[in-house]
C-alpha atoms as a PDB file:
ATOM      1  CA  MET A   1    -119.576 132.503   0.085  1.00  0.00           C
ATOM      2  CA  ARG A   2    -117.527 129.965  -1.811  1.00  0.00           C
ATOM      3  CA  ARG A   3    -115.123 132.692  -2.961  1.00  0.00           C
ATOM      4  CA  ILE A   4    -114.605 133.823   0.624  1.00  0.00           C
ATOM      5  CA  ILE A   5    -113.827 130.296   1.766  1.00  0.00           C
ATOM      6  CA  LEU A   6    -111.430 129.730  -1.128  1.00  0.00           C
ATOM      7  CA  SER A   7    -109.761 133.080  -0.444  1.00  0.00           C
ATOM      8  CA  LEU A   8    -109.360 132.187   3.257  1.00  0.00           C
ATOM      9  CA  LEU A   9    -107.878 128.819   2.323  1.00  0.00           C
ATOM     10  CA  ALA A  10    -105.407 130.441  -0.079  1.00  0.00           C
ATOM     11  CA  VAL A  11    -104.337 132.975   2.590  1.00  0.00           C
ATOM     12  CA  SER A  12    -104.076 130.217   5.146  1.00  0.00           C
ATOM     13  CA  MET A  13    -101.860 128.099   2.807  1.00  0.00           C
ATOM     14  CA  LEU A  14     -99.613 131.056   2.037  1.00  0.00           C
ATOM     15  CA  ALA A  15     -99.239 131.863   5.705  1.00  0.00           C
ATOM     16  CA  SER A  16     -98.394 128.209   6.449  1.00  0.00           C
ATOM     17  CA  PHE A  17     -95.825 128.152   3.663  1.00  0.00           C
ATOM     18  CA  SER A  18     -94.261 131.376   4.894  1.00  0.00           C
ATOM     19  CA  PHE A  19     -94.102 130.013   8.490  1.00  0.00           C
ATOM     20  CA  VAL A  20     -92.493 126.741   7.309  1.00  0.00           C
ATOM     21  CA  ASN A  21     -90.026 128.642   5.095  1.00  0.00           C
ATOM     22  CA  GLN A  22     -89.048 130.964   7.991  1.00  0.00           C
ATOM     23  CA  ASN A  23     -88.424 127.930  10.240  1.00  0.00           C
ATOM     24  CA  GLN A  24     -86.290 126.313   7.569  1.00  0.00           C
ATOM     25  CA  VAL A  25     -84.238 129.519   7.222  1.00  0.00           C
ATOM     26  CA  LYS A  26     -83.790 129.688  11.021  1.00  0.00           C
ATOM     27  CA  GLN A  27     -82.726 126.043  11.161  1.00  0.00           C
ATOM     28  CA  THR A  28     -80.261 126.554   8.345  1.00  0.00           C
ATOM     29  CA  GLU A  29     -78.826 129.663  10.070  1.00  0.00           C
ATOM     30  CA  SER A  30     -78.599 127.725  13.344  1.00  0.00           C
ATOM     31  CA  MET A  31     -76.735 124.861  11.626  1.00  0.00           C
ATOM     32  CA  ASN A  32     -74.389 127.311   9.882  1.00  0.00           C
ATOM     33  CA  ASN A  33     -73.715 129.039  13.241  1.00  0.00           C
ATOM     34  CA  LYS A  34     -72.962 125.717  14.935  1.00  0.00           C
ATOM     35  CA  GLU A  35     -70.651 124.639  12.122  1.00  0.00           C
ATOM     36  CA  GLN A  36     -68.795 127.956  12.351  1.00  0.00           C
ATOM     37  CA  ILE A  37     -68.630 127.730  16.134  1.00  0.00           C
ATOM     38  CA  ILE A  38     -67.202 124.182  16.000  1.00  0.00           C
ATOM     39  CA  ARG A  39     -64.692 125.341  13.368  1.00  0.00           C
ATOM     40  CA  VAL A  40     -63.512 128.224  15.590  1.00  0.00           C
ATOM     41  CA  CYS A  41     -63.328 125.945  18.641  1.00  0.00           C
ATOM     42  CA  ASN A  42     -61.203 123.486  16.630  1.00  0.00           C
ATOM     43  CA  ASP A  43     -58.939 126.396  15.576  1.00  0.00           C
ATOM     44  CA  PHE A  44     -58.564 127.300  19.301  1.00  0.00           C
ATOM     45  CA  ILE A  45     -57.966 123.656  20.365  1.00  0.00           C
ATOM     46  CA  GLU A  46     -55.708 122.588  17.511  1.00  0.00           C
ATOM     47  CA  GLY A  47     -53.917 125.942  17.467  1.00  0.00           C
ATOM     48  CA  ALA A  48     -52.806 125.251  21.033  1.00  0.00           C
ATOM     49  CA  ASP A  49     -52.112 121.529  20.397  1.00  0.00           C
ATOM     50  CA  GLU A  50     -49.943 122.358  17.362  1.00  0.00           C
ATOM     51  CA  GLN A  51     -48.548 125.555  19.004  1.00  0.00           C
ATOM     52  CA  ASP A  52     -49.714 127.433  15.909  1.00  0.00           C
ATOM     53  CA  LEU A  53     -49.856 130.932  17.349  1.00  0.00           C
ATOM     54  CA  GLU A  54     -51.358 132.513  14.235  1.00  0.00           C
ATOM     55  CA  ARG A  55     -54.228 130.064  14.088  1.00  0.00           C
ATOM     56  CA  LEU A  56     -54.759 130.353  17.823  1.00  0.00           C
ATOM     57  CA  ALA A  57     -54.647 134.171  17.910  1.00  0.00           C
ATOM     58  CA  THR A  58     -57.129 134.347  15.034  1.00  0.00           C
ATOM     59  CA  ALA A  59     -59.648 132.256  17.019  1.00  0.00           C
ATOM     60  CA  LEU A  60     -59.305 134.377  20.181  1.00  0.00           C
ATOM     61  CA  HIS A  61     -61.260 137.517  20.956  1.00  0.00           C
ATOM     62  CA  GLU A  62     -59.160 140.503  22.046  1.00  0.00           C
ATOM     63  CA  LYS A  63     -60.676 140.211  25.572  1.00  0.00           C
ATOM     64  CA  PHE A  64     -60.158 136.454  25.832  1.00  0.00           C
ATOM     65  CA  SER A  65     -59.729 135.026  29.320  1.00  0.00           C
ATOM     66  CA  ASN A  66     -58.883 131.528  30.459  1.00  0.00           C
ATOM     67  CA  VAL A  67     -60.408 130.729  33.843  1.00  0.00           C
ATOM     68  CA  GLN A  68     -58.687 127.488  34.719  1.00  0.00           C
ATOM     69  CA  ASN A  69     -59.904 125.179  37.521  1.00  0.00           C
ATOM     70  CA  GLY A  70     -56.920 123.145  38.442  1.00  0.00           C
ATOM     71  CA  TYR A  71     -53.437 123.934  37.273  1.00  0.00           C
ATOM     72  CA  PHE A  72     -51.634 120.770  36.282  1.00  0.00           C
ATOM     73  CA  GLY A  73     -52.029 118.954  39.595  1.00  0.00           C
ATOM     74  CA  GLU A  74     -52.541 122.050  41.723  1.00  0.00           C
ATOM     75  CA  SER A  75     -55.953 123.024  43.073  1.00  0.00           C
ATOM     76  CA  GLY A  76     -57.578 126.424  42.768  1.00  0.00           C
ATOM     77  CA  VAL A  77     -58.664 128.749  40.000  1.00  0.00           C
ATOM     78  CA  ARG A  78     -56.160 130.601  37.746  1.00  0.00           C
ATOM     79  CA  LEU A  79     -57.025 133.584  35.562  1.00  0.00           C
ATOM     80  CA  ILE A  80     -54.974 133.868  32.400  1.00  0.00           C
ATOM     81  CA  ASN A  81     -55.496 136.749  29.902  1.00  0.00           C
ATOM     82  CA  ARG A  82     -55.048 136.524  26.154  1.00  0.00           C
ATOM     83  CA  ALA A  83     -51.451 137.742  26.056  1.00  0.00           C
ATOM     84  CA  SER A  84     -50.340 135.391  28.834  1.00  0.00           C
ATOM     85  CA  TYR A  85     -52.174 132.474  27.229  1.00  0.00           C
ATOM     86  CA  LEU A  86     -50.463 133.042  23.919  1.00  0.00           C
ATOM     87  CA  GLU A  87     -47.112 133.423  25.690  1.00  0.00           C
ATOM     88  CA  HIS A  88     -47.634 130.122  27.556  1.00  0.00           C
ATOM     89  CA  VAL A  89     -48.298 128.392  24.201  1.00  0.00           C
ATOM     90  CA  ALA A  90     -45.294 130.091  22.563  1.00  0.00           C
ATOM     91  CA  LYS A  91     -42.982 128.962  25.387  1.00  0.00           C
ATOM     92  CA  GLY A  92     -44.352 125.379  25.334  1.00  0.00           C
ATOM     93  CA  LYS A  93     -45.964 125.624  28.769  1.00  0.00           C
ATOM     94  CA  PHE A  94     -49.416 125.022  27.155  1.00  0.00           C
ATOM     95  CA  GLY A  95     -50.137 122.895  24.137  1.00  0.00           C
ATOM     96  CA  GLY A  96     -47.804 120.894  21.996  1.00  0.00           C
ATOM     97  CA  ILE A  97     -49.595 117.596  22.454  1.00  0.00           C
ATOM     98  CA  LYS A  98     -52.456 116.429  20.277  1.00  0.00           C
ATOM     99  CA  ARG A  99     -55.648 115.855  22.264  1.00  0.00           C
ATOM    100  CA  SER A 100     -58.741 113.844  21.441  1.00  0.00           C
ATOM    101  CA  VAL A 101     -61.784 116.088  21.188  1.00  0.00           C
ATOM    102  CA  GLU A 102     -65.406 115.290  21.991  1.00  0.00           C
ATOM    103  CA  PHE A 103     -68.023 117.984  21.523  1.00  0.00           C
ATOM    104  CA  LEU A 104     -70.695 117.378  24.166  1.00  0.00           C
ATOM    105  CA  SER A 105     -72.985 120.376  23.399  1.00  0.00           C
ATOM    106  CA  VAL A 106     -73.165 123.548  21.387  1.00  0.00           C
ATOM    107  CA  ASP A 107     -75.699 126.096  22.616  1.00  0.00           C
ATOM    108  CA  VAL A 108     -76.276 129.314  20.673  1.00  0.00           C
ATOM    109  CA  ASN A 109     -78.097 132.268  22.243  1.00  0.00           C
ATOM    110  CA  GLY A 110     -78.215 135.127  19.759  1.00  0.00           C
ATOM    111  CA  ASP A 111     -74.649 136.477  19.358  1.00  0.00           C
ATOM    112  CA  MET A 112     -73.260 134.290  22.140  1.00  0.00           C
ATOM    113  CA  ALA A 113     -72.527 130.595  22.305  1.00  0.00           C
ATOM    114  CA  MET A 114     -71.365 128.084  24.894  1.00  0.00           C
ATOM    115  CA  VAL A 115     -69.645 124.866  23.890  1.00  0.00           C
ATOM    116  CA  HIS A 116     -69.011 121.963  26.258  1.00  0.00           C
ATOM    117  CA  VAL A 117     -66.039 119.903  25.139  1.00  0.00           C
ATOM    118  CA  PHE A 118     -64.009 117.056  26.628  1.00  0.00           C
ATOM    119  CA  LEU A 119     -60.354 116.959  25.632  1.00  0.00           C
ATOM    120  CA  SER A 120     -57.888 114.264  26.569  1.00  0.00           C
ATOM    121  CA  HIS A 121     -54.310 113.105  25.998  1.00  0.00           C
ATOM    122  CA  GLN A 122     -51.987 110.761  27.798  1.00  0.00           C
ATOM    123  CA  TYR A 123     -51.338 113.068  30.741  1.00  0.00           C
ATOM    124  CA  LEU A 124     -54.401 115.289  31.148  1.00  0.00           C
ATOM    125  CA  ASN A 125     -58.152 115.466  30.823  1.00  0.00           C
ATOM    126  CA  PHE A 126     -59.885 118.814  30.151  1.00  0.00           C
ATOM    127  CA  ASP A 127     -63.608 119.133  30.836  1.00  0.00           C
ATOM    128  CA  SER A 128     -64.059 122.568  29.292  1.00  0.00           C
ATOM    129  CA  TYR A 129     -66.704 125.162  28.572  1.00  0.00           C
ATOM    130  CA  ILE A 130     -65.725 127.500  25.729  1.00  0.00           C
ATOM    131  CA  SER A 131     -67.678 130.721  25.348  1.00  0.00           C
ATOM    132  CA  LEU A 132     -67.875 132.568  22.033  1.00  0.00           C
ATOM    133  CA  VAL A 133     -69.231 135.855  20.794  1.00  0.00           C
ATOM    134  CA  LEU A 134     -70.288 136.887  17.300  1.00  0.00           C
ATOM    135  CA  GLU A 135     -68.786 140.204  16.222  1.00  0.00           C
ATOM    136  CA  GLN A 136     -68.810 141.495  12.651  1.00  0.00           C
ATOM    137  CA  ASP A 137     -70.102 138.137  11.412  1.00  0.00           C
ATOM    138  CA  GLU A 138     -67.172 136.248  13.011  1.00  0.00           C
ATOM    139  CA  TRP A 139     -67.306 133.903  15.983  1.00  0.00           C
ATOM    140  CA  LYS A 140     -64.421 134.399  18.445  1.00  0.00           C
ATOM    141  CA  VAL A 141     -63.525 132.530  21.600  1.00  0.00           C
ATOM    142  CA  ILE A 142     -63.882 135.004  24.510  1.00  0.00           C
ATOM    143  CA  GLY A 143     -63.596 132.582  27.398  1.00  0.00           C
ATOM    144  CA  ASN A 144     -62.331 129.130  28.219  1.00  0.00           C
ATOM    145  CA  PHE A 145     -63.292 127.456  31.492  1.00  0.00           C
ATOM    146  CA  PRO A 146     -61.448 124.142  31.795  1.00  0.00           C
ATOM    147  CA  LYS A 147     -61.409 121.764  34.722  1.00  0.00           C
ATOM    148  CA  ILE A 148     -58.102 120.006  34.384  1.00  0.00           C
ATOM    149  CA  GLU A 149     -57.408 116.574  35.726  1.00  0.00           C
ATOM    150  CA  LEU A 150     -53.879 115.174  35.898  1.00  0.00           C
ATOM    151  CA  ILE A 151     -53.817 111.528  34.782  1.00  0.00           C
ATOM    152  CA  GLU A 152     -50.082 110.887  34.760  1.00  0.00           C
ATOM    153  CA  GLN A 153     -46.952 112.999  35.213  1.00  0.00           C
ATOM    154  CA  PRO A 154     -45.218 113.636  31.878  1.00  0.00           C
END
């Protein structure tokens, strides 16, 4: 009887260790994902701010779309595809001014993530949701959903 009890205790301890170890692995993976997601979001944000088209294009998914609520003082929603977005940055219509960045949340759901970020500079505030997808072990920005508020005319 004593051997049975000791065997059950040993199995129970091994199962507990395995469960704790699996949770630690999941937490580590989650932290690594969040760090990678924040890095890609920073590449997206800073790529536009610095008008670094290579850095920006690397962060963007091929099917990227910008769904913009407010268009520099105008109301309404504007849809901008990847090529147009990159063109706006290249021509100086978007970007070129360093913004402060505040990450409000990073939510990961499998191979998708949603980041809520607040960006600001002298003229504009951006309350933005950035969506990302994981493909071939790389996070890419597939959507940006900013609400833009004009503070002051440049």
